Amino acid sequence: GPEGAPSGVADAEGGADAGAAGGAFDIVLMNPPFGTRNESHGADVAFMQAGLRLCRPGGAVYSLHKTSTRPFIAKKAAEAGGEASVVAELRFEIPRMYKHHRQPSKDVAVDFWRV
């Protein structure tokens, strides 16, 4: 894990130390790329699947996804063997950060999932 972090803490790149590999966490909390643009297509699902691998049996992944992808996320969670539910509906104000952002900021509907 990260230097100075307790054993079993995942690093910023998503890897976990050797003591945490293979489903050692009760809860994984993430804010993955939304995966709706060509360059990030599928990243949201890849993150969710990685989070599920890090969970011990009975653990849960809590993850943020665009509301517009709700049916897709529900399907992918079911395919991964997880029971999934939206525990909160949120709105994110996303500031212009990338070239493809045309407005100073944009409100985006986001679901907070428990898988």
Protein backbone atom coordinates (compact mmCIF):
# COMPACT_ATOMS: atom_id res chain seq x y z
CA GLY A 1 0.00 0.00 0.00
CA PRO A 2 0.94 3.65 0.08
CA GLU A 3 3.93 4.58 2.22
CA GLY A 4 2.85 5.22 5.79
CA ALA A 5 -0.65 3.79 5.26
CA PRO A 6 -1.99 0.96 7.40
CA SER A 7 -1.64 -2.57 6.02
CA GLY A 8 -4.46 -3.42 3.62
CA VAL A 9 -4.95 0.11 2.24
CA ALA A 10 -5.18 0.33 -1.55
CA ASP A 11 -2.92 2.78 -3.30
CA ALA A 12 -4.05 5.60 -5.61
CA GLU A 13 -3.54 3.44 -8.70
CA GLY A 14 -6.09 0.94 -7.42
CA GLY A 15 -3.64 -1.77 -6.42
CA ALA A 16 -3.59 -3.23 -2.95
CA ASP A 17 -0.64 -4.44 -0.95
CA ALA A 18 0.08 -8.17 -0.75
CA GLY A 19 -1.71 -8.47 2.59
CA ALA A 20 -4.91 -7.10 1.05
CA ALA A 21 -5.05 -9.06 -2.20
CA GLY A 22 -7.95 -11.39 -2.86
CA GLY A 23 -10.97 -9.84 -1.23
CA ALA A 24 -9.74 -8.33 2.00
CA PHE A 25 -12.00 -5.28 2.25
CA ASP A 26 -15.44 -4.89 3.78
CA ILE A 27 -16.18 -1.71 1.79
CA VAL A 28 -14.72 -0.22 -1.39
CA LEU A 29 -15.68 3.40 -2.09
CA MET A 30 -15.03 4.84 -5.54
CA ASN A 31 -15.68 7.69 -7.94
CA PRO A 32 -14.64 6.10 -11.26
CA PRO A 33 -14.50 7.81 -14.65
CA PHE A 34 -18.06 7.82 -15.99
CA GLY A 35 -17.08 5.73 -19.02
CA THR A 36 -19.44 7.46 -21.43
CA ARG A 37 -16.84 9.02 -23.76
CA ASN A 38 -14.87 7.04 -26.33
CA GLU A 39 -11.53 7.40 -24.52
CA SER A 40 -13.00 6.18 -21.21
CA HIS A 41 -15.59 3.76 -22.59
CA GLY A 42 -16.20 0.95 -20.11
CA ALA A 43 -13.94 2.38 -17.40
CA ASP A 44 -16.84 2.66 -14.97
CA VAL A 45 -17.62 -1.05 -15.25
CA ALA A 46 -13.94 -2.05 -15.06
CA PHE A 47 -13.61 -0.08 -11.82
CA MET A 48 -16.77 -1.68 -10.39
CA GLN A 49 -15.50 -5.17 -11.24
CA ALA A 50 -12.11 -4.42 -9.66
CA GLY A 51 -13.87 -3.13 -6.55
CA LEU A 52 -15.90 -6.34 -6.30
CA ARG A 53 -12.69 -8.40 -6.51
CA LEU A 54 -11.26 -6.41 -3.59
CA CYS A 55 -14.30 -7.10 -1.39
CA ARG A 56 -14.47 -10.05 0.96
CA PRO A 57 -17.70 -12.12 0.88
CA GLY A 58 -20.52 -9.98 2.23
CA GLY A 59 -18.59 -6.78 1.44
CA ALA A 60 -19.91 -3.95 -0.71
CA VAL A 61 -18.77 -1.52 -3.37
CA TYR A 62 -20.17 2.00 -3.19
CA SER A 63 -19.70 3.75 -6.51
CA LEU A 64 -20.85 6.87 -8.39
CA HIS A 65 -22.22 6.55 -11.95
CA LYS A 66 -24.14 8.81 -14.32
CA THR A 67 -27.89 8.33 -13.87
CA SER A 68 -28.26 7.98 -17.63
CA THR A 69 -26.32 4.69 -17.40
CA ARG A 70 -28.55 3.18 -14.67
CA PRO A 71 -29.96 0.23 -16.71
CA PHE A 72 -26.48 -0.60 -18.01
CA ILE A 73 -24.86 -0.48 -14.56
CA ALA A 74 -27.67 -2.63 -13.09
CA LYS A 75 -27.13 -5.20 -15.86
CA LYS A 76 -23.34 -5.26 -15.44
CA ALA A 77 -23.61 -5.56 -11.65
CA ALA A 78 -25.99 -8.53 -12.05
CA GLU A 79 -23.61 -10.15 -14.56
CA ALA A 80 -20.80 -9.77 -12.00
CA GLY A 81 -22.94 -11.59 -9.45
CA GLY A 82 -23.64 -8.55 -7.33
CA GLU A 83 -26.94 -7.35 -5.90
CA ALA A 84 -27.10 -3.71 -6.87
CA SER A 85 -29.24 -0.81 -5.73
CA VAL A 86 -29.18 2.96 -6.05
CA VAL A 87 -28.90 4.30 -2.51
CA ALA A 88 -28.94 8.01 -3.45
CA GLU A 89 -29.63 10.21 -6.46
CA LEU A 90 -27.27 13.18 -6.62
CA ARG A 91 -26.37 16.14 -8.81
CA PHE A 92 -22.72 16.95 -9.47
CA GLU A 93 -21.58 20.33 -10.68
CA ILE A 94 -18.63 19.53 -12.90
CA PRO A 95 -16.40 22.49 -13.78
CA ARG A 96 -14.81 22.84 -17.20
CA MET A 97 -11.63 20.75 -16.87
CA TYR A 98 -11.07 19.22 -20.32
CA LYS A 99 -11.01 20.37 -23.94
CA HIS A 100 -14.34 18.66 -24.65
CA HIS A 101 -16.06 20.71 -21.90
CA ARG A 102 -17.78 23.60 -23.65
CA GLN A 103 -19.58 25.25 -20.71
CA PRO A 104 -18.01 26.83 -17.58
CA SER A 105 -19.75 24.10 -15.55
CA LYS A 106 -22.49 21.53 -15.96
CA ASP A 107 -24.86 19.79 -13.56
CA VAL A 108 -24.86 16.02 -14.06
CA ALA A 109 -27.35 13.56 -12.53
CA VAL A 110 -25.40 10.87 -10.66
CA ASP A 111 -26.45 7.66 -8.88
CA PHE A 112 -24.67 6.42 -5.75
CA TRP A 113 -24.74 2.62 -6.03
CA ARG A 114 -24.26 -0.17 -3.51
CA VAL A 115 -23.15 -3.38 -5.22
